[in-house]
């Protein structure tokens, strides 16, 4: 279990001080991995003892063990990135495009450190087994939501994009049932209506799947399936949708494999209908 998965499992039990520490770790994991408990505590504005309590709550014997886990996840993999950065420098590619390509390559190369093939397969199974799929994306995530709606409709699934307006969202959730599934996205912070959406799904027994960045570890209520991986770039600066879009595409491919023959029939039928309507 990765460190972010451990944080996610304990998210509802964290005190306000512990949450500040976790937020600091999520924002600057490398700095936290190289620093002491006292330095992390000062950066978060909490007492040093809080760092030790947090480490034990997450299942580590000591803060040192917690820091070792941070180093394993965020320091050990820097060699590849350093080599690529050197290649970029030697090729004199000091452009926005070159820098973006480096960051995206680094982020994509680390996805499997945070998300396993089994998690992708489980998410795909939930969506393909659902009677209806409701997809919720707020802000920039609306692009991903629309893409997933179109992809699953092509499999013949009854798929709907949820309204971002509170009243519209409430109306759409009125008929939510235990046979349905909700797919949503969260990046820098939980989207508006997230808690209400998760609570409503839980009340009726609908399954929930969440695709997120690093902040997914702190989401409450916790979704049934959380697929969280860091995006490229600085948390406080511009970040792209490349990583979450890759996760989406992996789910789509896995979904097609869960019912390969039926999926191909639906796609073939879609092709016939497109020819008819055009």
C-alpha atoms as a PDB file:
ATOM      1  CA  UNK A   1       0.000   0.000   0.000  1.00  0.00           C
ATOM      2  CA  UNK A   2       1.432   3.367  -1.028  1.00  0.00           C
ATOM      3  CA  UNK A   3       1.814   6.222   1.427  1.00  0.00           C
ATOM      4  CA  UNK A   4      -1.027   8.167  -0.195  1.00  0.00           C
ATOM      5  CA  UNK A   5      -3.307   5.118   0.120  1.00  0.00           C
ATOM      6  CA  UNK A   6      -2.521   4.949   3.840  1.00  0.00           C
ATOM      7  CA  UNK A   7      -3.340   8.648   4.196  1.00  0.00           C
ATOM      8  CA  UNK A   8      -6.580   8.130   2.285  1.00  0.00           C
ATOM      9  CA  UNK A   9      -7.676   5.290   4.572  1.00  0.00           C
ATOM     10  CA  UNK A  10      -7.086   7.474   7.645  1.00  0.00           C
ATOM     11  CA  UNK A  11      -8.460  10.732   6.189  1.00  0.00           C
ATOM     12  CA  UNK A  12     -11.624  10.757   8.309  1.00  0.00           C
ATOM     13  CA  UNK A  13      -9.663  10.218  11.556  1.00  0.00           C
ATOM     14  CA  UNK A  14      -7.118  13.018  11.104  1.00  0.00           C
ATOM     15  CA  UNK A  15      -7.185  15.960  13.500  1.00  0.00           C
ATOM     16  CA  UNK A  16      -7.016  19.518  12.097  1.00  0.00           C
ATOM     17  CA  UNK A  17      -3.296  19.674  12.970  1.00  0.00           C
ATOM     18  CA  UNK A  18      -2.625  16.319  11.327  1.00  0.00           C
ATOM     19  CA  UNK A  19      -4.495  17.437   8.206  1.00  0.00           C
ATOM     20  CA  UNK A  20      -2.259  20.524   7.992  1.00  0.00           C
ATOM     21  CA  UNK A  21       0.778  18.262   8.161  1.00  0.00           C
ATOM     22  CA  UNK A  22      -0.607  15.974   5.465  1.00  0.00           C
ATOM     23  CA  UNK A  23      -1.444  18.935   3.229  1.00  0.00           C
ATOM     24  CA  UNK A  24       2.139  20.144   3.634  1.00  0.00           C
ATOM     25  CA  UNK A  25       3.477  16.694   2.700  1.00  0.00           C
ATOM     26  CA  UNK A  26       1.181  16.508  -0.340  1.00  0.00           C
ATOM     27  CA  UNK A  27       2.237  19.972  -1.525  1.00  0.00           C
ATOM     28  CA  UNK A  28       5.988  19.414  -1.003  1.00  0.00           C
ATOM     29  CA  UNK A  29       6.712  15.680  -0.599  1.00  0.00           C
ATOM     30  CA  UNK A  30      10.395  15.901  -1.492  1.00  0.00           C
ATOM     31  CA  UNK A  31      11.013  18.674   1.047  1.00  0.00           C
ATOM     32  CA  UNK A  32       9.218  16.640   3.716  1.00  0.00           C
ATOM     33  CA  UNK A  33      11.220  13.533   2.811  1.00  0.00           C
ATOM     34  CA  UNK A  34      14.517  15.362   3.284  1.00  0.00           C
ATOM     35  CA  UNK A  35      13.591  17.281   6.428  1.00  0.00           C
ATOM     36  CA  UNK A  36      13.126  16.450  10.090  1.00  0.00           C
ATOM     37  CA  UNK A  37       9.909  16.100  12.078  1.00  0.00           C
ATOM     38  CA  UNK A  38      10.574  19.519  13.592  1.00  0.00           C
ATOM     39  CA  UNK A  39      11.042  21.171  10.200  1.00  0.00           C
ATOM     40  CA  UNK A  40       7.840  19.644   8.843  1.00  0.00           C
ATOM     41  CA  UNK A  41       5.925  20.687  11.957  1.00  0.00           C
ATOM     42  CA  UNK A  42       7.201  24.272  11.761  1.00  0.00           C
ATOM     43  CA  UNK A  43       6.285  24.509   8.080  1.00  0.00           C
ATOM     44  CA  UNK A  44       2.750  23.371   8.897  1.00  0.00           C
ATOM     45  CA  UNK A  45       2.484  25.505  12.031  1.00  0.00           C
ATOM     46  CA  UNK A  46       1.911  22.599  14.433  1.00  0.00           C
ATOM     47  CA  UNK A  47       3.745  21.007  17.371  1.00  0.00           C
ATOM     48  CA  UNK A  48       6.554  18.562  16.580  1.00  0.00           C
ATOM     49  CA  UNK A  49       4.776  15.803  18.526  1.00  0.00           C
ATOM     50  CA  UNK A  50       1.978  15.948  15.961  1.00  0.00           C
ATOM     51  CA  UNK A  51       4.350  14.669  13.279  1.00  0.00           C
ATOM     52  CA  UNK A  52       5.223  11.621  15.376  1.00  0.00           C
ATOM     53  CA  UNK A  53       1.550  10.929  16.139  1.00  0.00           C
ATOM     54  CA  UNK A  54       0.687  11.179  12.462  1.00  0.00           C
ATOM     55  CA  UNK A  55       3.429   8.714  11.518  1.00  0.00           C
ATOM     56  CA  UNK A  56       2.109   6.153  14.015  1.00  0.00           C
ATOM     57  CA  UNK A  57      -1.494   6.705  12.926  1.00  0.00           C
ATOM     58  CA  UNK A  58      -0.423   5.854   9.378  1.00  0.00           C
ATOM     59  CA  UNK A  59       1.097   2.585  10.573  1.00  0.00           C
ATOM     60  CA  UNK A  60       4.774   3.530  10.962  1.00  0.00           C
ATOM     61  CA  UNK A  61       6.796   2.714  14.073  1.00  0.00           C
ATOM     62  CA  UNK A  62       8.406   6.147  14.094  1.00  0.00           C
ATOM     63  CA  UNK A  63       8.671   9.388  12.153  1.00  0.00           C
ATOM     64  CA  UNK A  64      11.956   8.101  10.728  1.00  0.00           C
ATOM     65  CA  UNK A  65      10.112   5.146   9.163  1.00  0.00           C
ATOM     66  CA  UNK A  66       7.496   7.538   7.771  1.00  0.00           C
ATOM     67  CA  UNK A  67      10.254   9.694   6.268  1.00  0.00           C
ATOM     68  CA  UNK A  68      11.901   6.599   4.753  1.00  0.00           C
ATOM     69  CA  UNK A  69       8.606   5.776   3.025  1.00  0.00           C
ATOM     70  CA  UNK A  70       8.492   9.315   1.656  1.00  0.00           C
ATOM     71  CA  UNK A  71      12.040   8.952   0.363  1.00  0.00           C
ATOM     72  CA  UNK A  72      11.233   5.627  -1.288  1.00  0.00           C
ATOM     73  CA  UNK A  73       8.283   7.155  -3.145  1.00  0.00           C
ATOM     74  CA  UNK A  74       9.724  10.564  -4.025  1.00  0.00           C
ATOM     75  CA  UNK A  75      13.521  10.398  -3.980  1.00  0.00           C
ATOM     76  CA  UNK A  76      14.491   6.983  -5.333  1.00  0.00           C
ATOM     77  CA  UNK A  77      12.875   7.623  -8.704  1.00  0.00           C
ATOM     78  CA  UNK A  78      14.652  10.911  -9.395  1.00  0.00           C
ATOM     79  CA  UNK A  79      17.542   9.281 -11.276  1.00  0.00           C
ATOM     80  CA  UNK A  80      15.476   8.725 -14.433  1.00  0.00           C
ATOM     81  CA  UNK A  81      14.147  12.271 -14.318  1.00  0.00           C
ATOM     82  CA  UNK A  82      17.676  13.605 -13.833  1.00  0.00           C
ATOM     83  CA  UNK A  83      18.926  11.675 -16.863  1.00  0.00           C
ATOM     84  CA  UNK A  84      16.082  12.968 -18.998  1.00  0.00           C
ATOM     85  CA  UNK A  85      16.653  16.521 -17.766  1.00  0.00           C
ATOM     86  CA  UNK A  86      20.313  16.209 -18.760  1.00  0.00           C
ATOM     87  CA  UNK A  87      19.273  14.999 -22.233  1.00  0.00           C
ATOM     88  CA  UNK A  88      16.966  17.974 -22.652  1.00  0.00           C
ATOM     89  CA  UNK A  89      19.713  20.377 -21.569  1.00  0.00           C
ATOM     90  CA  UNK A  90      22.241  18.865 -23.959  1.00  0.00           C
ATOM     91  CA  UNK A  91      19.811  19.142 -26.861  1.00  0.00           C
ATOM     92  CA  UNK A  92      19.425  22.888 -26.128  1.00  0.00           C
ATOM     93  CA  UNK A  93      15.640  22.463 -25.919  1.00  0.00           C
ATOM     94  CA  UNK A  94      14.997  25.282 -23.485  1.00  0.00           C
ATOM     95  CA  UNK A  95      11.439  25.839 -24.713  1.00  0.00           C
ATOM     96  CA  UNK A  96       8.040  25.636 -23.059  1.00  0.00           C
ATOM     97  CA  UNK A  97       7.280  22.554 -25.147  1.00  0.00           C
ATOM     98  CA  UNK A  98      10.462  20.791 -24.089  1.00  0.00           C
ATOM     99  CA  UNK A  99       9.946  21.553 -20.403  1.00  0.00           C
ATOM    100  CA  UNK A 100       6.334  20.425 -20.560  1.00  0.00           C
ATOM    101  CA  UNK A 101       7.315  17.197 -22.297  1.00  0.00           C
ATOM    102  CA  UNK A 102       9.879  16.488 -19.565  1.00  0.00           C
ATOM    103  CA  UNK A 103       7.361  17.049 -16.773  1.00  0.00           C
ATOM    104  CA  UNK A 104       4.649  14.992 -18.460  1.00  0.00           C
ATOM    105  CA  UNK A 105       7.039  12.113 -19.148  1.00  0.00           C
ATOM    106  CA  UNK A 106       8.151  12.085 -15.526  1.00  0.00           C
ATOM    107  CA  UNK A 107       4.574  12.133 -14.208  1.00  0.00           C
ATOM    108  CA  UNK A 108       3.344   9.453 -16.615  1.00  0.00           C
ATOM    109  CA  UNK A 109       6.317   7.255 -15.808  1.00  0.00           C
ATOM    110  CA  UNK A 110       5.290   7.166 -12.157  1.00  0.00           C
ATOM    111  CA  UNK A 111       1.574   6.369 -12.506  1.00  0.00           C
ATOM    112  CA  UNK A 112       2.016   2.689 -11.612  1.00  0.00           C
ATOM    113  CA  UNK A 113       3.640   3.672  -8.323  1.00  0.00           C
ATOM    114  CA  UNK A 114       0.240   4.998  -7.254  1.00  0.00           C
ATOM    115  CA  UNK A 115      -2.328   3.017  -9.262  1.00  0.00           C
ATOM    116  CA  UNK A 116      -2.214  -0.732  -9.900  1.00  0.00           C
ATOM    117  CA  UNK A 117      -3.657  -2.636 -12.886  1.00  0.00           C
ATOM    118  CA  UNK A 118      -6.052  -4.278 -10.424  1.00  0.00           C
ATOM    119  CA  UNK A 119      -7.453  -0.881  -9.416  1.00  0.00           C
ATOM    120  CA  UNK A 120      -8.037   0.011 -13.068  1.00  0.00           C
ATOM    121  CA  UNK A 121      -9.793  -3.325 -13.657  1.00  0.00           C
ATOM    122  CA  UNK A 122     -11.975  -2.884 -10.560  1.00  0.00           C
ATOM    123  CA  UNK A 123     -13.049   0.609 -11.622  1.00  0.00           C
ATOM    124  CA  UNK A 124     -13.865  -0.638 -15.124  1.00  0.00           C
ATOM    125  CA  UNK A 125     -15.885  -3.538 -13.715  1.00  0.00           C
ATOM    126  CA  UNK A 126     -17.938  -1.219 -11.503  1.00  0.00           C
ATOM    127  CA  UNK A 127     -18.806   1.025 -14.438  1.00  0.00           C
ATOM    128  CA  UNK A 128     -19.586  -1.791 -16.875  1.00  0.00           C
ATOM    129  CA  UNK A 129     -21.743  -3.600 -14.299  1.00  0.00           C
ATOM    130  CA  UNK A 130     -23.823  -0.510 -13.536  1.00  0.00           C
ATOM    131  CA  UNK A 131     -27.307  -0.030 -14.976  1.00  0.00           C
ATOM    132  CA  UNK A 132     -26.543   3.659 -15.446  1.00  0.00           C
ATOM    133  CA  UNK A 133     -23.334   5.686 -15.160  1.00  0.00           C
ATOM    134  CA  UNK A 134     -23.358   9.273 -13.895  1.00  0.00           C
ATOM    135  CA  UNK A 135     -20.191  11.294 -14.542  1.00  0.00           C
ATOM    136  CA  UNK A 136     -19.369  14.448 -12.564  1.00  0.00           C
ATOM    137  CA  UNK A 137     -16.591  16.828 -13.536  1.00  0.00           C
ATOM    138  CA  UNK A 138     -16.321  20.402 -12.275  1.00  0.00           C
ATOM    139  CA  UNK A 139     -14.164  23.119 -13.848  1.00  0.00           C
ATOM    140  CA  UNK A 140     -11.379  21.753 -16.048  1.00  0.00           C
ATOM    141  CA  UNK A 141     -12.516  18.211 -15.248  1.00  0.00           C
ATOM    142  CA  UNK A 142     -15.669  18.769 -17.336  1.00  0.00           C
ATOM    143  CA  UNK A 143     -13.558  17.913 -20.389  1.00  0.00           C
ATOM    144  CA  UNK A 144     -12.694  14.514 -18.916  1.00  0.00           C
ATOM    145  CA  UNK A 145     -16.296  13.944 -17.848  1.00  0.00           C
ATOM    146  CA  UNK A 146     -17.553  14.571 -21.376  1.00  0.00           C
ATOM    147  CA  UNK A 147     -14.931  12.231 -22.815  1.00  0.00           C
ATOM    148  CA  UNK A 148     -15.946   9.406 -20.455  1.00  0.00           C
ATOM    149  CA  UNK A 149     -19.638   9.927 -21.210  1.00  0.00           C
ATOM    150  CA  UNK A 150     -18.956   9.543 -24.933  1.00  0.00           C
ATOM    151  CA  UNK A 151     -16.662   6.533 -24.456  1.00  0.00           C
ATOM    152  CA  UNK A 152     -19.121   4.557 -22.339  1.00  0.00           C
ATOM    153  CA  UNK A 153     -22.087   5.433 -24.541  1.00  0.00           C
ATOM    154  CA  UNK A 154     -20.168   3.780 -27.367  1.00  0.00           C
ATOM    155  CA  UNK A 155     -20.191   0.602 -25.283  1.00  0.00           C
ATOM    156  CA  UNK A 156     -23.976   0.886 -25.164  1.00  0.00           C
ATOM    157  CA  UNK A 157     -24.030   2.052 -21.536  1.00  0.00           C
ATOM    158  CA  UNK A 158     -26.717   4.440 -20.312  1.00  0.00           C
ATOM    159  CA  UNK A 159     -24.345   7.274 -19.380  1.00  0.00           C
ATOM    160  CA  UNK A 160     -25.123  10.814 -18.218  1.00  0.00           C
ATOM    161  CA  UNK A 161     -22.988  13.884 -17.515  1.00  0.00           C
ATOM    162  CA  UNK A 162     -24.063  15.466 -14.238  1.00  0.00           C
ATOM    163  CA  UNK A 163     -24.953  19.144 -14.026  1.00  0.00           C
ATOM    164  CA  UNK A 164     -22.556  21.390 -12.096  1.00  0.00           C
ATOM    165  CA  UNK A 165     -25.448  23.616 -11.002  1.00  0.00           C
ATOM    166  CA  UNK A 166     -26.576  22.538  -7.486  1.00  0.00           C
ATOM    167  CA  UNK A 167     -30.285  22.430  -8.364  1.00  0.00           C
ATOM    168  CA  UNK A 168     -29.694  20.586 -11.609  1.00  0.00           C
ATOM    169  CA  UNK A 169     -27.428  18.100  -9.837  1.00  0.00           C
ATOM    170  CA  UNK A 170     -30.059  17.500  -7.145  1.00  0.00           C
ATOM    171  CA  UNK A 171     -32.702  16.793  -9.802  1.00  0.00           C
ATOM    172  CA  UNK A 172     -30.449  14.293 -11.569  1.00  0.00           C
ATOM    173  CA  UNK A 173     -29.638  12.533  -8.300  1.00  0.00           C
ATOM    174  CA  UNK A 174     -33.318  12.135  -7.417  1.00  0.00           C
ATOM    175  CA  UNK A 175     -33.543   8.855  -9.329  1.00  0.00           C
ATOM    176  CA  UNK A 176     -30.126   7.457  -8.353  1.00  0.00           C
ATOM    177  CA  UNK A 177     -30.392   3.768  -7.443  1.00  0.00           C
ATOM    178  CA  UNK A 178     -28.253   0.954  -6.049  1.00  0.00           C
ATOM    179  CA  UNK A 179     -27.693  -0.407  -9.571  1.00  0.00           C
ATOM    180  CA  UNK A 180     -26.048   2.844 -10.692  1.00  0.00           C
ATOM    181  CA  UNK A 181     -22.446   4.091 -10.515  1.00  0.00           C
ATOM    182  CA  UNK A 182     -21.002   7.583 -10.105  1.00  0.00           C
ATOM    183  CA  UNK A 183     -17.651   8.528 -11.665  1.00  0.00           C
ATOM    184  CA  UNK A 184     -16.179  11.839 -10.517  1.00  0.00           C
ATOM    185  CA  UNK A 185     -12.971  13.885 -10.601  1.00  0.00           C
ATOM    186  CA  UNK A 186     -11.129  15.983  -7.993  1.00  0.00           C
ATOM    187  CA  UNK A 187      -7.777  17.690  -8.361  1.00  0.00           C
ATOM    188  CA  UNK A 188      -6.628  20.673  -6.286  1.00  0.00           C
ATOM    189  CA  UNK A 189      -9.625  20.401  -3.949  1.00  0.00           C
ATOM    190  CA  UNK A 190     -12.961  18.545  -3.773  1.00  0.00           C
ATOM    191  CA  UNK A 191     -15.369  19.922  -6.397  1.00  0.00           C
ATOM    192  CA  UNK A 192     -18.480  21.781  -5.353  1.00  0.00           C
ATOM    193  CA  UNK A 193     -21.135  19.295  -4.326  1.00  0.00           C
ATOM    194  CA  UNK A 194     -18.647  16.441  -3.818  1.00  0.00           C
ATOM    195  CA  UNK A 195     -19.649  15.568  -0.249  1.00  0.00           C
ATOM    196  CA  UNK A 196     -23.371  15.728  -1.051  1.00  0.00           C
ATOM    197  CA  UNK A 197     -22.842  13.556  -4.137  1.00  0.00           C
ATOM    198  CA  UNK A 198     -20.934  10.880  -2.199  1.00  0.00           C
ATOM    199  CA  UNK A 199     -23.441  10.911   0.662  1.00  0.00           C
ATOM    200  CA  UNK A 200     -26.370  10.545  -1.744  1.00  0.00           C
ATOM    201  CA  UNK A 201     -24.685   7.635  -3.533  1.00  0.00           C
ATOM    202  CA  UNK A 202     -23.945   5.929  -0.221  1.00  0.00           C
ATOM    203  CA  UNK A 203     -27.552   6.353   0.963  1.00  0.00           C
ATOM    204  CA  UNK A 204     -28.949   4.460  -2.021  1.00  0.00           C
ATOM    205  CA  UNK A 205     -26.061   1.993  -2.375  1.00  0.00           C
ATOM    206  CA  UNK A 206     -24.679   3.278  -5.694  1.00  0.00           C
ATOM    207  CA  UNK A 207     -20.975   2.581  -6.330  1.00  0.00           C
ATOM    208  CA  UNK A 208     -18.559   5.510  -6.587  1.00  0.00           C
ATOM    209  CA  UNK A 209     -15.275   5.846  -8.497  1.00  0.00           C
ATOM    210  CA  UNK A 210     -13.001   8.876  -8.092  1.00  0.00           C
ATOM    211  CA  UNK A 211     -10.071   9.930 -10.299  1.00  0.00           C
ATOM    212  CA  UNK A 212      -7.863  12.512  -8.588  1.00  0.00           C
ATOM    213  CA  UNK A 213      -4.451  14.030  -8.070  1.00  0.00           C
ATOM    214  CA  UNK A 214      -2.461  13.944  -4.835  1.00  0.00           C
ATOM    215  CA  UNK A 215      -5.233  15.690  -2.905  1.00  0.00           C
ATOM    216  CA  UNK A 216      -7.410  12.590  -3.338  1.00  0.00           C
ATOM    217  CA  UNK A 217      -5.855  11.119  -0.215  1.00  0.00           C
ATOM    218  CA  UNK A 218      -7.760  13.651   1.906  1.00  0.00           C
ATOM    219  CA  UNK A 219     -11.182  13.274   0.288  1.00  0.00           C
ATOM    220  CA  UNK A 220     -14.074  12.736   2.664  1.00  0.00           C
ATOM    221  CA  UNK A 221     -16.415  10.944   2.357  1.00  0.00           C
ATOM    222  CA  UNK A 222     -14.157   8.341   0.773  1.00  0.00           C
ATOM    223  CA  UNK A 223     -15.320   6.892  -2.581  1.00  0.00           C
ATOM    224  CA  UNK A 224     -15.591   3.133  -3.114  1.00  0.00           C
ATOM    225  CA  UNK A 225     -12.655   3.226  -5.534  1.00  0.00           C
ATOM    226  CA  UNK A 226     -10.021   5.963  -5.510  1.00  0.00           C
ATOM    227  CA  UNK A 227      -7.528   6.269  -8.370  1.00  0.00           C
ATOM    228  CA  UNK A 228      -5.105   8.984  -7.283  1.00  0.00           C
ATOM    229  CA  UNK A 229      -1.835   9.900  -8.996  1.00  0.00           C
ATOM    230  CA  UNK A 230       0.156  13.174  -8.966  1.00  0.00           C
ATOM    231  CA  UNK A 231      -0.158  15.387 -12.023  1.00  0.00           C
ATOM    232  CA  UNK A 232       2.871  17.035 -13.595  1.00  0.00           C
ATOM    233  CA  UNK A 233       4.039  20.497 -12.614  1.00  0.00           C
ATOM    234  CA  UNK A 234       3.926  22.446  -9.370  1.00  0.00           C
ATOM    235  CA  UNK A 235       0.853  22.106  -7.147  1.00  0.00           C
ATOM    236  CA  UNK A 236       0.608  25.896  -6.953  1.00  0.00           C
ATOM    237  CA  UNK A 237       1.174  26.466 -10.670  1.00  0.00           C
ATOM    238  CA  UNK A 238      -0.187  25.289 -14.016  1.00  0.00           C
ATOM    239  CA  UNK A 239      -0.990  21.583 -14.160  1.00  0.00           C
ATOM    240  CA  UNK A 240      -2.293  19.618 -17.138  1.00  0.00           C
ATOM    241  CA  UNK A 241      -4.881  16.841 -17.488  1.00  0.00           C
ATOM    242  CA  UNK A 242      -2.444  14.404 -19.122  1.00  0.00           C
ATOM    243  CA  UNK A 243      -2.179  12.032 -16.148  1.00  0.00           C
ATOM    244  CA  UNK A 244      -5.910  11.832 -15.330  1.00  0.00           C
ATOM    245  CA  UNK A 245      -6.717  11.477 -19.037  1.00  0.00           C
ATOM    246  CA  UNK A 246      -4.322   8.535 -19.215  1.00  0.00           C
ATOM    247  CA  UNK A 247      -6.110   6.966 -16.247  1.00  0.00           C
ATOM    248  CA  UNK A 248      -9.431   7.514 -18.026  1.00  0.00           C
ATOM    249  CA  UNK A 249      -8.155   5.864 -21.191  1.00  0.00           C
ATOM    250  CA  UNK A 250      -6.852   2.887 -19.205  1.00  0.00           C
ATOM    251  CA  UNK A 251     -10.292   2.442 -17.625  1.00  0.00           C
ATOM    252  CA  UNK A 252     -11.971   2.621 -21.041  1.00  0.00           C
ATOM    253  CA  UNK A 253      -9.668  -0.051 -22.488  1.00  0.00           C
ATOM    254  CA  UNK A 254     -10.136  -2.260 -19.412  1.00  0.00           C
ATOM    255  CA  UNK A 255     -13.903  -1.759 -19.677  1.00  0.00           C
ATOM    256  CA  UNK A 256     -13.837  -2.959 -23.268  1.00  0.00           C
ATOM    257  CA  UNK A 257     -11.937  -6.069 -22.193  1.00  0.00           C
ATOM    258  CA  UNK A 258     -14.484  -6.947 -19.488  1.00  0.00           C
ATOM    259  CA  UNK A 259     -17.108  -7.542 -22.177  1.00  0.00           C
ATOM    260  CA  UNK A 260     -14.989  -7.714 -25.303  1.00  0.00           C
ATOM    261  CA  UNK A 261     -17.464  -9.415 -27.639  1.00  0.00           C
ATOM    262  CA  UNK A 262     -20.422  -7.288 -26.572  1.00  0.00           C
ATOM    263  CA  UNK A 263     -18.339  -4.092 -26.726  1.00  0.00           C
ATOM    264  CA  UNK A 264     -17.246  -4.852 -30.287  1.00  0.00           C
ATOM    265  CA  UNK A 265     -20.861  -5.529 -31.294  1.00  0.00           C
ATOM    266  CA  UNK A 266     -21.929  -2.175 -29.869  1.00  0.00           C
ATOM    267  CA  UNK A 267     -19.124  -0.349 -31.655  1.00  0.00           C
ATOM    268  CA  UNK A 268     -20.000  -2.089 -34.914  1.00  0.00           C
ATOM    269  CA  UNK A 269     -23.649  -1.119 -34.478  1.00  0.00           C
ATOM    270  CA  UNK A 270     -22.575   2.460 -33.746  1.00  0.00           C
ATOM    271  CA  UNK A 271     -20.669   2.527 -37.025  1.00  0.00           C
ATOM    272  CA  UNK A 272     -23.797   1.401 -38.870  1.00  0.00           C
ATOM    273  CA  UNK A 273     -25.917   4.070 -37.180  1.00  0.00           C
ATOM    274  CA  UNK A 274     -23.375   6.802 -37.946  1.00  0.00           C
ATOM    275  CA  UNK A 275     -23.485   5.830 -41.632  1.00  0.00           C
ATOM    276  CA  UNK A 276     -27.285   5.923 -41.539  1.00  0.00           C
ATOM    277  CA  UNK A 277     -27.522   9.336 -39.896  1.00  0.00           C
ATOM    278  CA  UNK A 278     -24.799  10.915 -42.017  1.00  0.00           C
END
